[in-house]
Amino acid sequence: MTKHKTKLTIKAMKHILLPLFVFGLFLTSCDENVIDDPKVIDLDLKSKELVAADNAFGIDLFKKILSEEEDNFTLSPLSISLALAMTYNGAKGETKAAMEEALRVSGLTTDEINASYQSLVKALLEADPKVTLEIAQSIWYRMGYNVLDTFKEVNQTYYDAEVNELDFSRSDAKDIMNGWIEEKTHDKIKNMIAEVKPDHVMFLINAVYFNGEWTYKFDRKDTRKQDFVMQNGNTIEVDMMTKTDSVNYQSNELFSAIEMPYGRGNFTMVVLLPNSDKTCADVADELTPDNWKSWMESFSPVTELDIQFPKFKDEYKIKLNDVLSAMGMGIAFNPGADFSGINRSGGIWIDYVQHNTFIDVSEKGTEAAAATVVAMIETAMPSPPVFHVNRPFIYAITEKETGAILFLGRIVQPEYAE
C-alpha cells in the first residue's frame, strides 16, 4: 500500500512540476526580450555646455565637408574633439584662443573643459551595457624630447591617455602606433599613420569603437534588392532591409525622420530623409545647433511604421587641416603656433589632423569605429647653405679697401696640371 501511494505521489508531482517547468522557461524567455528604459544621465551644467559646444563643432564640421564632398562620408565629432582637446592642453596665447573658437568652447575654462570631457566620456561608457562603446587616448612623443610633466599629467588624469616615449627613428615606429589604433578599433582602422618624419615630435591619438545591436532587429530574410535613386538621378539596386515597427517619427517641410534605438535605447540612429523636392544640402542649410535641438525634441511614437532602410558599409579618410583652419584655428598649423604648454621652448605646431572612420550597418545592428591623429612637428634646424661649384663660374680677385679688381675671369672647364 505504501509503495502504491509513493507511485501516485510521484505521478502527481510530475503533473505539477512539468507545467511549472514550462512556465519557468516561458518567464525566462520573456525576461530575455524585456527592454530596459534608457538610463537617465544627469550631467552637470558645465558638461551640458560642453555637449552643446561639441554638437555645434560637429555640425559646423559636417556642413563644411558636405559642401565640398560629393561621395559618402562619416565623421566622429567626439573622436576629433577629444584628440584636439588633448592637444589644446598644450596651447597658449593666440593659439589657445583660436582652438577655443574652432572647438566652440569659448566661455569655458581649461579646467572646465577637461573635467567636462571626463564626465561625458564616463557617462557614455556607462550608458548601456548592451552596447559596446570603447574610447581610448594615447600620446606618443619622440625619445629624448622634453615634454612638460604638467601636459602629460593633465591628459593622463582627465583623458586616461597612455603616454609613451618612442624612438621615432625606428623603422617600425609607425607600425607600433598603427598597431595601437588597430587594437582599439578592433582592426577596423588600419595603417592610419603613413610615415614618421624626422621632425615629428608627438602624435596625439583618439580611438572610438561602437558596436550596438538594434533594439528591434531587421529579419535578414526580408532583405531584398530595391531601387535607390542617387543625387544625380541615376538609379541603382541596393540591399534594402525591411520591417514594420513602432518607432519615434517626425516630418516637416524639409524631411521626415525616425529614431532606431540600440540596446536599451540610450544610443539611437537618427535618419533624416529629405522630402522628395529637397536635398541633403537643403537640410544642411537649416542645420544649426538650435534647429538640431528642436528637431531632436520633435519626435513622437508611431506604431506600425513600414520601414525600408539600406544596408551599407563605408570607410572614410580626411585630413582636416583646411576645414579646421576655416573654422578658426589656422594659426595652430603654422610655425607661429604657441604650444609651449607641451614643450617650454615651443617651436612646434600641428603638422596634420587625420581622421578615419568605418561603419557597417546591417540587419543585426551597427559596428562603427573612428580614429583621429594629431601629428606635431617642430621647426627644423636650418640646413647649412649649399654652394656647390659644379658648373661654369665667374671669379674675381679684389682688394677690399679700395675695391680694386685685380683679376676677373670665367671658368667653363676647370683643369689642374701638376
Protein backbone atom coordinates (compact mmCIF):
# COMPACT_ATOMS: atom_id res chain seq x y z
CA MET A 1 0.00 0.00 0.00
CA THR A 2 2.79 2.38 0.80
CA LYS A 3 4.55 1.57 -2.43
CA HIS A 4 1.36 2.29 -4.41
CA LYS A 5 0.93 5.63 -2.66
CA THR A 6 4.50 6.56 -3.50
CA LYS A 7 3.90 5.90 -7.16
CA LEU A 8 0.80 8.04 -7.09
CA THR A 9 2.65 10.84 -5.35
CA ILE A 10 5.46 10.84 -7.93
CA LYS A 11 2.96 10.80 -10.78
CA ALA A 12 1.06 13.67 -9.21
CA MET A 13 4.26 15.65 -8.73
CA LYS A 14 5.12 15.19 -12.39
CA HIS A 15 1.79 16.72 -13.36
CA ILE A 16 2.52 19.65 -11.08
CA LEU A 17 6.22 20.18 -11.82
CA LEU A 18 6.07 19.90 -15.62
CA PRO A 19 3.72 22.87 -16.06
CA LEU A 20 5.82 24.82 -13.55
CA PHE A 21 8.99 23.98 -15.51
CA VAL A 22 7.40 25.06 -18.80
CA PHE A 23 6.10 28.23 -17.17
CA GLY A 24 9.61 28.91 -15.84
CA LEU A 25 11.05 28.58 -19.34
CA PHE A 26 8.37 30.96 -20.57
CA LEU A 27 9.29 33.52 -17.92
CA THR A 28 12.99 33.16 -18.75
CA SER A 29 12.24 33.65 -22.43
CA CYS A 30 10.17 36.73 -21.63
CA ASP A 31 12.94 38.19 -19.48
CA GLU A 32 15.37 37.91 -22.38
CA ASN A 33 13.06 40.06 -24.50
CA VAL A 34 12.44 42.71 -21.87
CA ILE A 35 13.89 46.04 -22.98
CA ASP A 36 15.02 48.31 -20.18
CA ASP A 37 14.23 52.00 -20.34
CA PRO A 38 17.12 54.25 -21.36
CA LYS A 39 19.40 55.09 -18.46
CA VAL A 40 18.86 58.57 -17.05
CA ILE A 41 22.09 60.58 -17.34
CA ASP A 42 22.27 63.77 -15.32
CA LEU A 43 25.29 65.78 -16.43
CA ASP A 44 26.37 68.86 -14.50
CA LEU A 45 25.83 72.29 -16.04
CA LYS A 46 29.34 72.66 -17.47
CA SER A 47 29.23 69.19 -19.02
CA LYS A 48 25.92 70.11 -20.67
CA GLU A 49 27.55 73.26 -22.04
CA LEU A 50 30.39 71.13 -23.39
CA VAL A 51 27.95 68.76 -25.14
CA ALA A 52 26.28 71.78 -26.74
CA ALA A 53 29.69 73.08 -27.84
CA ASP A 54 30.67 69.67 -29.23
CA ASN A 55 27.42 69.45 -31.16
CA ALA A 56 27.97 72.93 -32.61
CA PHE A 57 31.51 71.95 -33.60
CA GLY A 58 30.30 68.71 -35.18
CA ILE A 59 27.52 70.43 -37.11
CA ASP A 60 29.87 73.10 -38.46
CA LEU A 61 32.41 70.47 -39.45
CA PHE A 62 29.74 68.33 -41.14
CA LYS A 63 28.36 71.28 -43.13
CA LYS A 64 31.77 72.39 -44.38
CA ILE A 65 32.67 68.88 -45.55
CA LEU A 66 29.22 68.31 -47.06
CA SER A 67 29.64 71.46 -49.17
CA GLU A 68 32.79 70.02 -50.76
CA GLU A 69 32.40 66.24 -50.59
CA GLU A 70 30.39 64.52 -53.33
CA ASP A 71 30.71 60.95 -52.06
CA ASN A 72 29.77 59.12 -48.86
CA PHE A 73 31.39 60.35 -45.68
CA THR A 74 31.18 59.65 -41.97
CA LEU A 75 32.66 61.74 -39.17
CA SER A 76 33.05 61.20 -35.45
CA PRO A 77 32.88 64.68 -33.89
CA LEU A 78 33.55 63.05 -30.50
CA SER A 79 36.80 61.48 -31.70
CA ILE A 80 38.04 64.70 -33.29
CA SER A 81 37.07 66.80 -30.27
CA LEU A 82 38.85 64.51 -27.81
CA ALA A 83 42.08 64.39 -29.84
CA LEU A 84 42.08 68.18 -30.22
CA ALA A 85 41.17 68.69 -26.55
CA MET A 86 44.30 66.80 -25.52
CA THR A 87 46.33 68.98 -27.89
CA TYR A 88 44.59 72.11 -26.60
CA ASN A 89 46.10 71.46 -23.17
CA GLY A 90 49.47 72.42 -24.62
CA ALA A 91 48.30 75.57 -26.43
CA LYS A 92 49.00 79.09 -25.20
CA GLY A 93 48.07 82.64 -26.17
CA GLU A 94 46.52 83.23 -29.60
CA THR A 95 46.81 79.55 -30.49
CA LYS A 96 44.75 78.57 -27.46
CA ALA A 97 42.11 81.20 -28.27
CA ALA A 98 41.95 80.02 -31.88
CA MET A 99 41.41 76.42 -30.82
CA GLU A 100 38.68 77.51 -28.41
CA GLU A 101 36.95 79.29 -31.28
CA ALA A 102 37.22 76.29 -33.61
CA LEU A 103 36.06 73.83 -30.96
CA ARG A 104 33.25 76.23 -29.95
CA VAL A 105 34.28 76.07 -26.28
CA SER A 106 34.91 79.78 -25.71
CA GLY A 107 33.48 80.69 -22.32
CA LEU A 108 34.65 77.50 -20.63
CA THR A 109 37.90 77.42 -18.70
CA THR A 110 40.56 74.81 -19.44
CA ASP A 111 39.77 73.03 -16.18
CA GLU A 112 36.04 73.03 -17.00
CA ILE A 113 36.71 71.64 -20.47
CA ASN A 114 38.88 68.82 -19.14
CA ALA A 115 36.57 67.92 -16.27
CA SER A 116 33.51 68.03 -18.54
CA TYR A 117 35.09 65.71 -21.11
CA GLN A 118 35.96 63.34 -18.29
CA SER A 119 32.35 63.36 -17.07
CA LEU A 120 30.94 62.98 -20.59
CA VAL A 121 33.14 60.03 -21.52
CA LYS A 122 32.36 58.30 -18.22
CA ALA A 123 28.62 58.78 -18.80
CA LEU A 124 28.79 57.47 -22.36
CA LEU A 125 30.77 54.38 -21.37
CA GLU A 126 28.29 53.54 -18.61
CA ALA A 127 25.11 54.34 -20.55
CA ASP A 128 24.19 50.89 -21.85
CA PRO A 129 25.80 47.54 -21.03
CA LYS A 130 24.03 46.05 -24.07
CA VAL A 131 26.05 48.30 -26.39
CA THR A 132 29.81 48.07 -26.77
CA LEU A 133 31.41 51.52 -26.64
CA GLU A 134 35.14 51.93 -26.17
CA ILE A 135 37.02 55.24 -26.11
CA ALA A 136 40.81 55.39 -25.81
CA GLN A 137 43.52 58.06 -25.97
CA SER A 138 47.27 57.84 -26.35
CA ILE A 139 50.19 60.23 -26.69
CA TRP A 140 53.47 59.20 -28.31
CA TYR A 141 56.47 61.51 -28.17
CA ARG A 142 59.93 61.28 -29.67
CA MET A 143 62.57 59.72 -27.45
CA GLY A 144 64.52 62.42 -25.67
CA TYR A 145 62.02 65.17 -26.48
CA ASN A 146 61.30 67.27 -23.41
CA VAL A 147 57.56 67.10 -22.74
CA LEU A 148 56.33 69.05 -19.73
CA ASP A 149 55.13 66.87 -16.87
CA THR A 150 52.06 69.09 -16.44
CA PHE A 151 50.99 68.34 -20.03
CA LYS A 152 51.40 64.61 -19.57
CA GLU A 153 49.65 64.58 -16.20
CA VAL A 154 46.56 66.54 -17.26
CA ASN A 155 45.96 64.22 -20.22
CA GLN A 156 46.53 61.13 -18.12
CA THR A 157 44.20 62.41 -15.40
CA TYR A 158 41.26 63.68 -17.47
CA TYR A 159 41.55 61.65 -20.69
CA ASP A 160 43.04 58.44 -19.31
CA ALA A 161 45.68 58.82 -22.02
CA GLU A 162 48.50 56.35 -22.38
CA VAL A 163 51.73 58.36 -22.62
CA ASN A 164 54.62 56.64 -24.39
CA GLU A 165 58.14 57.71 -25.27
CA LEU A 166 59.09 56.16 -28.61
CA ASP A 167 62.22 56.13 -30.74
CA PHE A 168 60.80 57.74 -33.88
CA SER A 169 63.90 56.74 -35.84
CA ARG A 170 62.91 53.07 -35.57
CA SER A 171 61.77 51.59 -38.85
CA ASP A 172 58.69 50.20 -37.10
CA ALA A 173 57.73 53.38 -35.19
CA LYS A 174 54.61 53.99 -37.27
CA ASP A 175 53.71 50.29 -37.07
CA ILE A 176 53.72 50.47 -33.26
CA MET A 177 51.30 53.41 -33.24
CA ASN A 178 49.17 51.95 -36.03
CA GLY A 179 49.02 48.71 -34.05
CA TRP A 180 47.59 50.62 -31.09
CA ILE A 181 44.92 52.18 -33.32
CA GLU A 182 44.06 48.82 -34.88
CA GLU A 183 43.71 47.18 -31.48
CA LYS A 184 41.49 49.92 -30.07
CA THR A 185 39.25 49.96 -33.17
CA HIS A 186 39.04 46.15 -33.39
CA ASP A 187 41.04 46.16 -36.64
CA LYS A 188 38.61 48.50 -38.39
CA ILE A 189 41.10 51.37 -38.82
CA LYS A 190 44.42 50.22 -40.27
CA ASN A 191 47.68 51.85 -41.44
CA MET A 192 46.46 55.30 -40.43
CA ILE A 193 49.87 56.88 -39.89
CA ALA A 194 51.68 56.80 -43.21
CA GLU A 195 55.12 57.97 -42.03
CA VAL A 196 57.06 59.37 -39.12
CA LYS A 197 59.20 62.27 -40.31
CA PRO A 198 62.49 63.24 -38.67
CA ASP A 199 60.97 66.48 -37.37
CA HIS A 200 57.83 64.92 -35.89
CA VAL A 201 57.88 65.23 -32.11
CA MET A 202 54.47 63.93 -31.00
CA PHE A 203 51.35 62.07 -32.06
CA LEU A 204 48.12 62.51 -30.08
CA ILE A 205 45.58 59.82 -30.89
CA ASN A 206 41.94 59.11 -30.10
CA ALA A 207 40.11 55.89 -30.98
CA VAL A 208 36.38 55.20 -30.70
CA TYR A 209 34.72 51.82 -31.23
CA PHE A 210 30.93 51.27 -31.23
CA ASN A 211 29.01 48.04 -31.66
CA GLY A 212 25.30 48.06 -30.99
CA GLU A 213 22.51 45.69 -31.93
CA TRP A 214 19.18 47.18 -32.92
CA THR A 215 16.67 47.02 -30.10
CA TYR A 216 14.30 45.55 -32.68
CA LYS A 217 16.29 43.86 -35.42
CA PHE A 218 15.56 43.52 -39.11
CA ASP A 219 14.97 39.97 -40.34
CA ARG A 220 17.57 39.00 -42.91
CA LYS A 221 15.04 37.01 -44.95
CA ASP A 222 13.10 40.24 -45.55
CA THR A 223 16.11 41.99 -47.12
CA ARG A 224 15.79 42.25 -50.89
CA LYS A 225 17.12 44.21 -53.83
CA GLN A 226 15.38 47.56 -54.24
CA ASP A 227 15.96 50.68 -56.30
CA PHE A 228 17.84 53.59 -54.75
CA VAL A 229 17.78 56.95 -56.54
CA MET A 230 21.09 58.77 -56.26
CA GLN A 231 21.56 62.51 -56.08
CA ASN A 232 22.30 62.74 -59.83
CA GLY A 233 19.03 60.99 -60.65
CA ASN A 234 20.55 57.65 -61.60
CA THR A 235 19.03 54.52 -60.08
CA ILE A 236 20.98 51.64 -58.59
CA GLU A 237 19.96 48.43 -56.85
CA VAL A 238 20.81 48.07 -53.17
CA ASP A 239 20.18 45.56 -50.38
CA MET A 240 17.15 47.06 -48.68
CA MET A 241 16.24 45.91 -45.18
CA THR A 242 12.53 45.98 -44.35
CA LYS A 243 10.39 45.73 -41.25
CA THR A 244 7.22 47.09 -39.70
CA ASP A 245 7.98 48.60 -36.33
CA SER A 246 6.98 51.07 -33.67
CA VAL A 247 9.48 53.94 -33.64
CA ASN A 248 9.77 57.63 -32.90
CA TYR A 249 8.93 59.58 -36.05
CA GLN A 250 8.51 63.13 -37.29
CA SER A 251 8.03 65.02 -40.53
CA ASN A 252 8.20 68.67 -41.56
CA GLU A 253 8.58 70.76 -44.71
CA LEU A 254 12.22 69.68 -45.03
CA PHE A 255 12.38 66.00 -44.14
CA SER A 256 10.86 63.02 -42.42
CA ALA A 257 12.88 61.27 -39.73
CA ILE A 258 12.96 58.24 -37.46
CA GLU A 259 14.94 57.11 -34.44
CA MET A 260 16.13 53.50 -34.45
CA PRO A 261 17.37 52.54 -30.99
CA TYR A 262 20.19 50.22 -29.99
CA GLY A 263 20.22 48.10 -26.84
CA ARG A 264 18.19 49.71 -24.08
CA GLY A 265 17.68 52.90 -26.09
CA ASN A 266 20.36 55.31 -24.88
CA PHE A 267 22.04 55.13 -28.27
CA THR A 268 19.96 55.60 -31.42
CA MET A 269 20.47 56.09 -35.13
CA VAL A 270 18.62 59.19 -36.29
CA VAL A 271 17.81 59.08 -40.02
CA LEU A 272 16.83 62.34 -41.76
CA LEU A 273 15.27 61.69 -45.18
CA PRO A 274 14.89 64.88 -47.26
CA ASN A 275 11.46 65.32 -48.80
CA SER A 276 11.20 64.46 -52.49
CA ASP A 277 11.60 68.11 -53.50
CA LYS A 278 14.56 68.68 -51.14
CA THR A 279 18.20 67.57 -50.96
CA CYS A 280 20.67 66.85 -48.19
CA ALA A 281 22.16 70.28 -48.91
CA ASP A 282 18.76 71.88 -48.26
CA VAL A 283 18.59 70.14 -44.89
CA ALA A 284 22.17 71.14 -44.11
CA ASP A 285 21.32 74.79 -44.87
CA GLU A 286 18.86 74.69 -41.98
CA LEU A 287 21.10 72.59 -39.74
CA THR A 288 22.04 74.72 -36.74
CA PRO A 289 22.57 73.74 -33.11
CA ASP A 290 19.22 75.30 -32.18
CA ASN A 291 17.35 73.59 -35.02
CA TRP A 292 19.03 70.28 -34.26
CA LYS A 293 17.93 70.52 -30.64
CA SER A 294 14.40 71.38 -31.74
CA TRP A 295 14.31 68.50 -34.23
CA MET A 296 15.51 66.02 -31.61
CA GLU A 297 12.67 67.14 -29.32
CA SER A 298 10.01 66.81 -32.03
CA PHE A 299 9.83 63.02 -32.30
CA SER A 300 6.69 61.20 -31.23
CA PRO A 301 5.88 57.48 -31.15
CA VAL A 302 4.28 55.92 -34.21
CA THR A 303 3.09 52.32 -34.34
CA GLU A 304 3.24 50.02 -37.33
CA LEU A 305 5.55 52.15 -39.48
CA ASP A 306 6.68 50.44 -42.70
CA ILE A 307 10.47 50.92 -42.74
CA GLN A 308 12.84 50.29 -45.62
CA PHE A 309 16.48 51.05 -44.91
CA PRO A 310 19.55 50.15 -46.99
CA LYS A 311 22.40 48.06 -45.68
CA PHE A 312 25.67 49.91 -46.08
CA LYS A 313 29.33 49.72 -45.22
CA ASP A 314 31.68 52.64 -45.65
CA GLU A 315 35.22 53.77 -44.87
CA TYR A 316 36.26 57.41 -44.98
CA LYS A 317 39.54 59.27 -44.61
CA ILE A 318 40.12 63.01 -44.45
CA LYS A 319 42.92 65.36 -43.49
CA LEU A 320 41.22 68.12 -41.50
CA ASN A 321 43.84 70.89 -41.76
CA ASP A 322 41.89 73.04 -44.23
CA VAL A 323 38.46 72.69 -42.67
CA LEU A 324 39.76 73.31 -39.13
CA SER A 325 41.68 76.34 -40.40
CA ALA A 326 38.45 77.63 -41.93
CA MET A 327 36.78 77.15 -38.56
CA GLY A 328 39.28 79.45 -36.87
CA MET A 329 42.37 77.52 -35.78
CA GLY A 330 44.64 78.16 -38.76
CA ILE A 331 47.37 79.53 -36.52
CA ALA A 332 47.81 76.06 -34.98
CA PHE A 333 49.02 74.70 -38.33
CA ASN A 334 51.81 77.24 -38.76
CA PRO A 335 55.30 77.74 -37.32
CA GLY A 336 53.92 80.74 -35.41
CA ALA A 337 51.78 78.47 -33.23
CA ASP A 338 52.32 78.54 -29.48
CA PHE A 339 52.33 75.07 -27.96
CA SER A 340 54.75 75.97 -25.19
CA GLY A 341 52.46 74.09 -22.83
CA ILE A 342 53.86 70.89 -24.35
CA ASN A 343 57.48 71.93 -24.52
CA ARG A 344 58.54 75.12 -22.75
CA SER A 345 60.73 76.27 -25.63
CA GLY A 346 57.86 75.95 -28.12
CA GLY A 347 58.79 75.87 -31.78
CA ILE A 348 56.22 73.16 -32.58
CA TRP A 349 52.90 73.19 -34.41
CA ILE A 350 50.31 70.81 -35.83
CA ASP A 351 51.57 69.09 -38.96
CA TYR A 352 48.20 67.47 -39.69
CA VAL A 353 44.97 66.21 -38.17
CA GLN A 354 44.00 62.92 -39.81
CA HIS A 355 40.53 61.43 -39.28
CA ASN A 356 39.48 57.94 -40.40
CA THR A 357 36.11 56.25 -39.91
CA PHE A 358 34.44 52.90 -40.55
CA ILE A 359 30.76 51.95 -40.37
CA ASP A 360 28.83 48.74 -41.07
CA VAL A 361 25.01 48.85 -40.88
CA SER A 362 23.19 45.53 -41.26
CA GLU A 363 20.08 43.67 -40.09
CA LYS A 364 21.73 42.97 -36.74
CA GLY A 365 22.85 46.48 -35.87
CA THR A 366 25.76 48.83 -36.37
CA GLU A 367 29.50 48.50 -35.96
CA ALA A 368 31.46 51.72 -36.24
CA ALA A 369 34.95 52.94 -35.47
CA ALA A 370 36.86 56.19 -35.71
CA ALA A 371 40.37 57.39 -35.03
CA THR A 372 41.89 60.84 -35.02
CA VAL A 373 45.62 61.56 -35.12
CA VAL A 374 47.11 64.96 -34.32
CA ALA A 375 50.72 64.98 -35.52
CA MET A 376 53.00 67.63 -34.01
CA ILE A 377 56.10 68.82 -35.82
CA GLU A 378 58.97 71.07 -34.76
CA THR A 379 60.84 73.79 -36.57
CA ALA A 380 63.62 72.01 -38.40
CA MET A 381 67.15 73.19 -37.70
CA PRO A 382 68.27 75.32 -40.67
CA SER A 383 70.42 73.39 -43.07
CA PRO A 384 73.82 74.92 -43.84
CA PRO A 385 73.79 76.91 -47.09
CA VAL A 386 74.74 74.88 -50.12
CA PHE A 387 77.24 76.26 -52.68
CA HIS A 388 78.40 73.52 -54.98
CA VAL A 389 80.52 74.95 -57.81
CA ASN A 390 79.74 72.25 -60.32
CA ARG A 391 79.11 74.36 -63.42
CA PRO A 392 80.78 77.28 -65.24
CA PHE A 393 81.52 80.25 -63.00
CA ILE A 394 82.98 83.72 -62.89
CA TYR A 395 85.58 84.72 -60.33
CA ALA A 396 87.32 87.86 -59.23
CA ILE A 397 90.24 88.82 -57.01
CA THR A 398 89.77 92.19 -55.40
CA GLU A 399 91.27 94.44 -52.78
CA LYS A 400 88.58 95.13 -50.20
CA GLU A 401 89.62 98.61 -49.00
CA THR A 402 89.97 100.15 -52.41
CA GLY A 403 87.55 97.93 -54.26
CA ALA A 404 90.12 97.39 -56.95
CA ILE A 405 89.69 94.32 -59.11
CA LEU A 406 92.94 92.53 -59.56
CA PHE A 407 91.73 89.59 -61.53
CA LEU A 408 88.41 88.76 -63.19
CA GLY A 409 87.71 85.59 -65.11
CA ARG A 410 85.36 82.80 -66.08
CA ILE A 411 85.94 79.07 -65.85
CA VAL A 412 83.93 76.73 -68.07
CA GLN A 413 86.16 73.66 -67.74
CA PRO A 414 88.37 73.57 -64.67
CA GLU A 415 91.71 71.94 -65.28
CA TYR A 416 94.71 71.49 -63.00
CA ALA A 417 98.02 70.13 -64.23
CA GLU A 418 100.89 69.41 -61.84
